């Protein structure tokens, strides 16, 4: 049931973000990959990146935290984004982990995948030059 629900939520996210969204699972882990997601203009050294969300088969009850991008995502000045120094490997690829944590409670109602997308977008906007 969780995989069916996350696939439906991923379809909504794909429509909202205007990108291809893949859902892959391996044992109890579920990987949601947003393909070539445009990044905020002027914030990073690349214009777009694949973005990874990780959850598990308890979705939507299991809270998502953090997100991952391609390692090439650096601030426009070439520095590593705050909280994004770790490079990790998932699904045979390297990913830059944005260690960005929720200050509020996880809401498992509605479409938590869309909520996590907004959470991620808010973090990306922090690196837009003022």
N, C-alpha and C. Protein backbone atom coordinates (compact mmCIF):
# COMPACT_ATOMS: atom_id res chain seq x y z
N UNK A 1 0.82 -1.20 0.00
CA UNK A 1 0.00 0.00 0.00
C UNK A 1 0.86 1.26 0.00
N UNK A 2 1.94 1.28 0.79
CA UNK A 2 2.79 2.47 0.86
C UNK A 2 3.39 2.80 -0.50
N UNK A 3 3.83 1.80 -1.25
CA UNK A 3 4.43 2.06 -2.56
C UNK A 3 3.38 2.62 -3.52
N UNK A 4 2.17 2.10 -3.47
CA UNK A 4 1.11 2.64 -4.33
C UNK A 4 0.84 4.10 -3.97
N UNK A 5 0.79 4.39 -2.68
CA UNK A 5 0.51 5.76 -2.25
C UNK A 5 1.63 6.71 -2.64
N UNK A 6 2.87 6.29 -2.45
CA UNK A 6 3.98 7.19 -2.79
C UNK A 6 4.06 7.38 -4.30
N UNK A 7 3.71 6.37 -5.07
CA UNK A 7 3.69 6.53 -6.54
C UNK A 7 2.62 7.55 -6.95
N UNK A 8 1.45 7.50 -6.32
CA UNK A 8 0.40 8.51 -6.60
C UNK A 8 0.88 9.90 -6.21
N UNK A 9 1.51 9.99 -5.05
CA UNK A 9 2.03 11.28 -4.60
C UNK A 9 3.15 11.78 -5.52
N UNK A 10 3.95 10.86 -6.03
CA UNK A 10 5.03 11.22 -6.96
C UNK A 10 4.46 11.77 -8.26
N UNK A 11 3.34 11.22 -8.72
CA UNK A 11 2.68 11.76 -9.93
C UNK A 11 2.25 13.20 -9.70
N UNK A 12 1.69 13.49 -8.52
CA UNK A 12 1.30 14.85 -8.19
C UNK A 12 2.52 15.77 -8.14
N UNK A 13 3.60 15.27 -7.56
CA UNK A 13 4.83 16.05 -7.47
C UNK A 13 5.39 16.34 -8.85
N UNK A 14 5.38 15.34 -9.73
CA UNK A 14 5.88 15.52 -11.10
C UNK A 14 5.10 16.63 -11.81
N UNK A 15 3.79 16.62 -11.63
CA UNK A 15 2.96 17.65 -12.25
C UNK A 15 3.26 19.02 -11.66
N UNK A 16 3.41 19.08 -10.36
CA UNK A 16 3.68 20.35 -9.67
C UNK A 16 5.05 20.92 -10.05
N UNK A 17 6.07 20.07 -10.05
CA UNK A 17 7.45 20.52 -10.29
C UNK A 17 7.79 20.57 -11.77
N UNK A 18 7.00 19.91 -12.61
CA UNK A 18 7.28 19.90 -14.04
C UNK A 18 8.50 19.07 -14.41
N UNK A 19 8.78 18.04 -13.62
CA UNK A 19 9.92 17.16 -13.89
C UNK A 19 9.50 15.71 -13.77
N UNK A 20 10.30 14.83 -14.32
CA UNK A 20 10.09 13.40 -14.19
C UNK A 20 10.45 13.00 -12.76
N UNK A 21 9.60 12.19 -12.14
CA UNK A 21 9.86 11.70 -10.79
C UNK A 21 9.81 10.18 -10.82
N UNK A 22 10.89 9.53 -10.42
CA UNK A 22 10.96 8.08 -10.36
C UNK A 22 10.86 7.62 -8.91
N UNK A 23 10.20 6.49 -8.71
CA UNK A 23 10.13 5.86 -7.39
C UNK A 23 10.76 4.49 -7.53
N UNK A 24 11.79 4.25 -6.73
CA UNK A 24 12.50 2.97 -6.74
C UNK A 24 12.55 2.45 -5.32
N UNK A 25 12.41 1.15 -5.16
CA UNK A 25 12.56 0.64 -3.81
C UNK A 25 13.53 -0.52 -3.77
N UNK A 26 14.16 -0.65 -2.61
CA UNK A 26 15.16 -1.68 -2.37
C UNK A 26 14.95 -2.13 -0.93
N UNK A 27 14.44 -3.34 -0.78
CA UNK A 27 14.09 -3.87 0.55
C UNK A 27 13.08 -2.92 1.19
N UNK A 28 13.41 -2.34 2.34
CA UNK A 28 12.45 -1.46 3.02
C UNK A 28 12.64 0.02 2.67
N UNK A 29 13.70 0.35 1.94
CA UNK A 29 13.96 1.74 1.57
C UNK A 29 13.20 2.10 0.30
N UNK A 30 12.73 3.35 0.22
CA UNK A 30 12.09 3.87 -0.98
C UNK A 30 12.82 5.14 -1.38
N UNK A 31 13.23 5.20 -2.63
CA UNK A 31 13.98 6.33 -3.17
C UNK A 31 13.10 7.06 -4.17
N UNK A 32 12.94 8.35 -3.99
CA UNK A 32 12.19 9.19 -4.90
C UNK A 32 13.21 10.11 -5.56
N UNK A 33 13.32 10.01 -6.89
CA UNK A 33 14.32 10.79 -7.62
C UNK A 33 13.63 11.76 -8.55
N UNK A 34 13.89 13.04 -8.34
CA UNK A 34 13.38 14.10 -9.20
C UNK A 34 14.47 14.35 -10.24
N UNK A 35 14.14 14.15 -11.50
CA UNK A 35 15.15 14.24 -12.57
C UNK A 35 15.30 15.67 -13.08
N UNK A 36 16.55 16.12 -13.12
CA UNK A 36 16.91 17.43 -13.68
C UNK A 36 16.02 18.55 -13.15
N UNK A 37 15.90 18.61 -11.85
CA UNK A 37 15.10 19.66 -11.22
C UNK A 37 15.82 21.00 -11.36
N UNK A 38 15.16 22.01 -11.91
CA UNK A 38 15.79 23.33 -11.99
C UNK A 38 16.07 23.87 -10.58
N UNK A 39 17.25 24.45 -10.41
CA UNK A 39 17.64 25.06 -9.14
C UNK A 39 17.44 26.56 -9.22
N UNK A 40 17.32 27.23 -8.07
CA UNK A 40 17.11 28.69 -8.10
C UNK A 40 18.21 29.41 -8.89
N UNK A 41 17.81 30.30 -9.75
CA UNK A 41 18.73 31.06 -10.60
C UNK A 41 19.74 31.83 -9.75
N UNK A 42 21.00 31.67 -10.11
CA UNK A 42 22.07 32.42 -9.46
C UNK A 42 22.58 31.84 -8.15
N UNK A 43 21.97 30.74 -7.68
CA UNK A 43 22.35 30.20 -6.38
C UNK A 43 23.49 29.18 -6.47
N UNK A 44 23.55 28.43 -7.56
CA UNK A 44 24.47 27.29 -7.63
C UNK A 44 25.28 27.30 -8.91
N UNK A 45 26.29 26.46 -8.95
CA UNK A 45 27.18 26.37 -10.10
C UNK A 45 26.56 25.60 -11.25
N UNK A 46 25.44 24.92 -11.01
CA UNK A 46 24.72 24.20 -12.06
C UNK A 46 23.26 24.68 -12.05
N UNK A 47 22.62 24.61 -13.20
CA UNK A 47 21.25 25.10 -13.33
C UNK A 47 20.20 24.10 -12.86
N UNK A 48 20.58 22.81 -12.88
CA UNK A 48 19.63 21.77 -12.47
C UNK A 48 20.39 20.58 -11.90
N UNK A 49 19.66 19.73 -11.21
CA UNK A 49 20.27 18.54 -10.60
C UNK A 49 19.18 17.51 -10.37
N UNK A 50 19.57 16.25 -10.43
CA UNK A 50 18.68 15.22 -9.90
C UNK A 50 18.66 15.43 -8.39
N UNK A 51 17.51 15.20 -7.79
CA UNK A 51 17.35 15.34 -6.35
C UNK A 51 16.76 14.05 -5.80
N UNK A 52 17.28 13.59 -4.70
CA UNK A 52 16.87 12.34 -4.08
C UNK A 52 16.20 12.59 -2.74
N UNK A 53 15.04 11.98 -2.55
CA UNK A 53 14.38 11.90 -1.25
C UNK A 53 14.41 10.44 -0.84
N UNK A 54 14.59 10.17 0.43
CA UNK A 54 14.60 8.79 0.93
C UNK A 54 13.54 8.64 2.00
N UNK A 55 12.76 7.58 1.86
CA UNK A 55 11.79 7.22 2.88
C UNK A 55 11.81 5.70 3.00
N UNK A 56 10.79 5.13 3.60
CA UNK A 56 10.73 3.68 3.70
C UNK A 56 9.31 3.20 3.46
N UNK A 57 9.10 1.92 3.60
CA UNK A 57 7.79 1.34 3.27
C UNK A 57 6.72 1.72 4.28
N UNK A 58 7.06 2.47 5.31
CA UNK A 58 6.07 2.98 6.25
C UNK A 58 5.48 4.32 5.79
N UNK A 59 5.96 4.84 4.65
CA UNK A 59 5.43 6.09 4.11
C UNK A 59 3.92 6.00 4.02
N UNK A 60 3.18 7.00 4.40
CA UNK A 60 3.57 8.36 4.76
C UNK A 60 3.81 8.57 6.26
N UNK A 61 3.74 7.50 7.03
CA UNK A 61 3.94 7.64 8.47
C UNK A 61 5.38 7.97 8.82
N UNK A 62 6.32 7.45 8.03
CA UNK A 62 7.75 7.68 8.29
C UNK A 62 8.13 9.08 7.79
N UNK A 63 8.59 9.92 8.69
CA UNK A 63 8.96 11.28 8.33
C UNK A 63 10.21 11.30 7.46
N UNK A 64 10.18 12.11 6.41
CA UNK A 64 11.36 12.33 5.58
C UNK A 64 12.14 13.49 6.18
N UNK A 65 13.45 13.39 6.07
CA UNK A 65 14.34 14.42 6.58
C UNK A 65 15.50 14.48 5.62
N UNK A 66 15.99 15.65 5.35
CA UNK A 66 17.12 15.86 4.45
C UNK A 66 16.73 15.57 3.01
N UNK A 67 17.68 15.83 2.11
CA UNK A 67 17.54 15.50 0.70
C UNK A 67 18.94 15.50 0.11
N UNK A 68 19.08 14.96 -1.09
CA UNK A 68 20.38 14.79 -1.71
C UNK A 68 20.33 15.33 -3.13
N UNK A 69 21.47 15.87 -3.60
CA UNK A 69 21.60 16.37 -4.97
C UNK A 69 22.82 15.71 -5.60
N UNK A 70 23.04 16.02 -6.84
CA UNK A 70 24.28 15.59 -7.49
C UNK A 70 25.44 16.31 -6.81
N UNK A 71 26.61 15.68 -6.73
CA UNK A 71 27.76 16.31 -6.06
C UNK A 71 28.19 17.64 -6.67
N UNK A 72 27.88 17.88 -7.94
CA UNK A 72 28.29 19.11 -8.62
C UNK A 72 27.56 20.34 -8.10
N UNK A 73 26.54 20.16 -7.27
CA UNK A 73 25.79 21.32 -6.75
C UNK A 73 26.63 22.01 -5.68
N UNK A 74 27.15 23.17 -6.06
CA UNK A 74 27.93 24.02 -5.17
C UNK A 74 27.33 25.41 -5.23
N UNK A 75 27.60 26.22 -4.23
CA UNK A 75 27.13 27.61 -4.25
C UNK A 75 27.76 28.32 -5.46
N UNK A 76 27.11 29.38 -5.90
CA UNK A 76 27.58 30.11 -7.08
C UNK A 76 29.04 30.53 -6.97
N UNK A 77 29.52 30.78 -5.75
CA UNK A 77 30.92 31.19 -5.56
C UNK A 77 31.87 29.99 -5.48
N UNK A 78 31.34 28.77 -5.68
CA UNK A 78 32.16 27.56 -5.67
C UNK A 78 32.28 26.88 -4.33
N UNK A 79 31.73 27.47 -3.28
CA UNK A 79 31.81 26.86 -1.95
C UNK A 79 30.74 25.78 -1.78
N UNK A 80 30.98 24.92 -0.80
CA UNK A 80 30.02 23.87 -0.47
C UNK A 80 28.86 24.51 0.30
N UNK A 81 27.62 24.21 -0.10
CA UNK A 81 26.48 24.77 0.64
C UNK A 81 26.53 24.35 2.11
N UNK A 82 26.04 25.22 2.98
CA UNK A 82 26.01 24.93 4.41
C UNK A 82 25.25 23.63 4.67
N UNK A 83 25.88 22.75 5.46
CA UNK A 83 25.25 21.48 5.80
C UNK A 83 25.22 20.47 4.68
N UNK A 84 26.05 20.67 3.64
CA UNK A 84 26.01 19.78 2.47
C UNK A 84 27.39 19.25 2.10
N UNK A 85 28.25 19.06 3.08
CA UNK A 85 29.61 18.60 2.80
C UNK A 85 29.71 17.09 2.58
N UNK A 86 28.73 16.34 3.06
CA UNK A 86 28.80 14.88 2.96
C UNK A 86 28.38 14.38 1.58
N UNK A 87 29.19 13.47 1.06
CA UNK A 87 28.85 12.78 -0.19
C UNK A 87 28.56 11.33 0.17
N UNK A 88 27.40 10.84 -0.24
CA UNK A 88 26.97 9.48 0.10
C UNK A 88 26.58 8.74 -1.18
N UNK A 89 26.54 7.43 -1.10
CA UNK A 89 26.20 6.62 -2.27
C UNK A 89 24.89 5.88 -2.03
N UNK A 90 23.96 6.09 -2.97
CA UNK A 90 22.68 5.38 -2.97
C UNK A 90 22.36 4.99 -4.40
N UNK A 91 21.82 3.82 -4.57
CA UNK A 91 21.40 3.34 -5.89
C UNK A 91 22.54 3.41 -6.90
N UNK A 92 23.77 3.15 -6.42
CA UNK A 92 24.93 3.11 -7.30
C UNK A 92 25.44 4.47 -7.77
N UNK A 93 24.97 5.54 -7.14
CA UNK A 93 25.39 6.90 -7.51
C UNK A 93 25.85 7.66 -6.28
N UNK A 94 26.67 8.65 -6.51
CA UNK A 94 27.06 9.55 -5.43
C UNK A 94 26.07 10.71 -5.36
N UNK A 95 25.79 11.13 -4.12
CA UNK A 95 24.85 12.21 -3.86
C UNK A 95 25.41 13.14 -2.79
N UNK A 96 25.15 14.44 -2.93
CA UNK A 96 25.51 15.42 -1.92
C UNK A 96 24.34 15.52 -0.94
N UNK A 97 24.60 15.21 0.32
CA UNK A 97 23.53 15.26 1.32
C UNK A 97 23.37 16.67 1.87
N UNK A 98 22.17 17.21 1.75
CA UNK A 98 21.81 18.46 2.39
C UNK A 98 21.20 18.09 3.74
N UNK A 99 21.99 18.28 4.78
CA UNK A 99 21.55 17.95 6.12
C UNK A 99 20.72 19.13 6.63
N UNK A 100 19.46 19.09 6.32
CA UNK A 100 18.53 20.17 6.61
C UNK A 100 17.36 19.53 7.30
N UNK A 101 17.11 19.92 8.52
CA UNK A 101 16.14 19.21 9.35
C UNK A 101 14.89 20.04 9.63
N UNK A 102 13.80 19.35 9.79
CA UNK A 102 12.52 19.99 10.09
C UNK A 102 12.51 20.55 11.50
N UNK A 103 11.93 21.72 11.64
CA UNK A 103 11.73 22.28 12.97
C UNK A 103 10.34 21.94 13.49
N UNK A 104 9.46 21.58 12.59
CA UNK A 104 8.09 21.26 12.98
C UNK A 104 7.80 19.77 12.84
N UNK A 105 6.58 19.43 13.16
CA UNK A 105 6.16 18.03 13.10
C UNK A 105 5.92 17.60 11.66
N UNK A 106 6.15 16.34 11.38
CA UNK A 106 5.86 15.72 10.09
C UNK A 106 4.34 15.53 9.99
N UNK A 107 3.75 15.98 8.90
CA UNK A 107 2.33 15.81 8.69
C UNK A 107 2.13 14.72 7.65
N UNK A 108 1.58 13.59 8.05
CA UNK A 108 1.42 12.46 7.13
C UNK A 108 0.10 12.53 6.36
N UNK A 109 -0.65 13.60 6.53
CA UNK A 109 -1.91 13.77 5.80
C UNK A 109 -1.65 14.49 4.48
N UNK A 110 -2.62 14.43 3.58
CA UNK A 110 -2.47 15.10 2.30
C UNK A 110 -1.42 14.41 1.45
N UNK A 111 -0.48 15.19 0.92
CA UNK A 111 0.62 14.64 0.13
C UNK A 111 1.93 15.07 0.77
N UNK A 112 2.47 14.24 1.69
CA UNK A 112 3.72 14.60 2.36
C UNK A 112 4.90 14.76 1.40
N UNK A 113 4.83 14.13 0.24
CA UNK A 113 5.91 14.27 -0.74
C UNK A 113 5.96 15.71 -1.27
N UNK A 114 4.80 16.29 -1.53
CA UNK A 114 4.75 17.70 -1.93
C UNK A 114 5.24 18.60 -0.80
N UNK A 115 4.88 18.26 0.43
CA UNK A 115 5.37 19.04 1.57
C UNK A 115 6.89 18.98 1.67
N UNK A 116 7.45 17.79 1.43
CA UNK A 116 8.90 17.65 1.51
C UNK A 116 9.58 18.43 0.37
N UNK A 117 8.93 18.46 -0.78
CA UNK A 117 9.44 19.25 -1.89
C UNK A 117 9.51 20.73 -1.50
N UNK A 118 8.47 21.24 -0.87
CA UNK A 118 8.47 22.64 -0.43
C UNK A 118 9.54 22.88 0.64
N UNK A 119 9.72 21.92 1.52
CA UNK A 119 10.77 21.97 2.54
C UNK A 119 12.14 22.09 1.87
N UNK A 120 12.39 21.26 0.84
CA UNK A 120 13.64 21.29 0.10
C UNK A 120 13.81 22.62 -0.61
N UNK A 121 12.76 23.09 -1.26
CA UNK A 121 12.82 24.34 -2.01
C UNK A 121 13.19 25.52 -1.09
N UNK A 122 12.62 25.53 0.10
CA UNK A 122 12.94 26.58 1.07
C UNK A 122 14.43 26.58 1.39
N UNK A 123 15.02 25.40 1.50
CA UNK A 123 16.46 25.31 1.78
C UNK A 123 17.26 25.83 0.59
N UNK A 124 16.87 25.45 -0.63
CA UNK A 124 17.59 25.93 -1.81
C UNK A 124 17.58 27.46 -1.88
N UNK A 125 16.48 28.06 -1.51
CA UNK A 125 16.36 29.52 -1.60
C UNK A 125 17.32 30.24 -0.65
N UNK A 126 17.78 29.56 0.38
CA UNK A 126 18.74 30.18 1.31
C UNK A 126 20.05 30.55 0.63
N UNK A 127 20.39 29.85 -0.46
CA UNK A 127 21.67 30.09 -1.14
C UNK A 127 21.57 31.10 -2.28
N UNK A 128 20.39 31.66 -2.50
CA UNK A 128 20.24 32.68 -3.54
C UNK A 128 20.92 33.95 -3.04
N UNK A 129 21.86 34.51 -3.82
CA UNK A 129 22.54 35.74 -3.40
C UNK A 129 21.55 36.87 -3.19
N UNK A 130 21.78 37.65 -2.17
CA UNK A 130 20.88 38.78 -1.84
C UNK A 130 21.26 40.01 -2.64
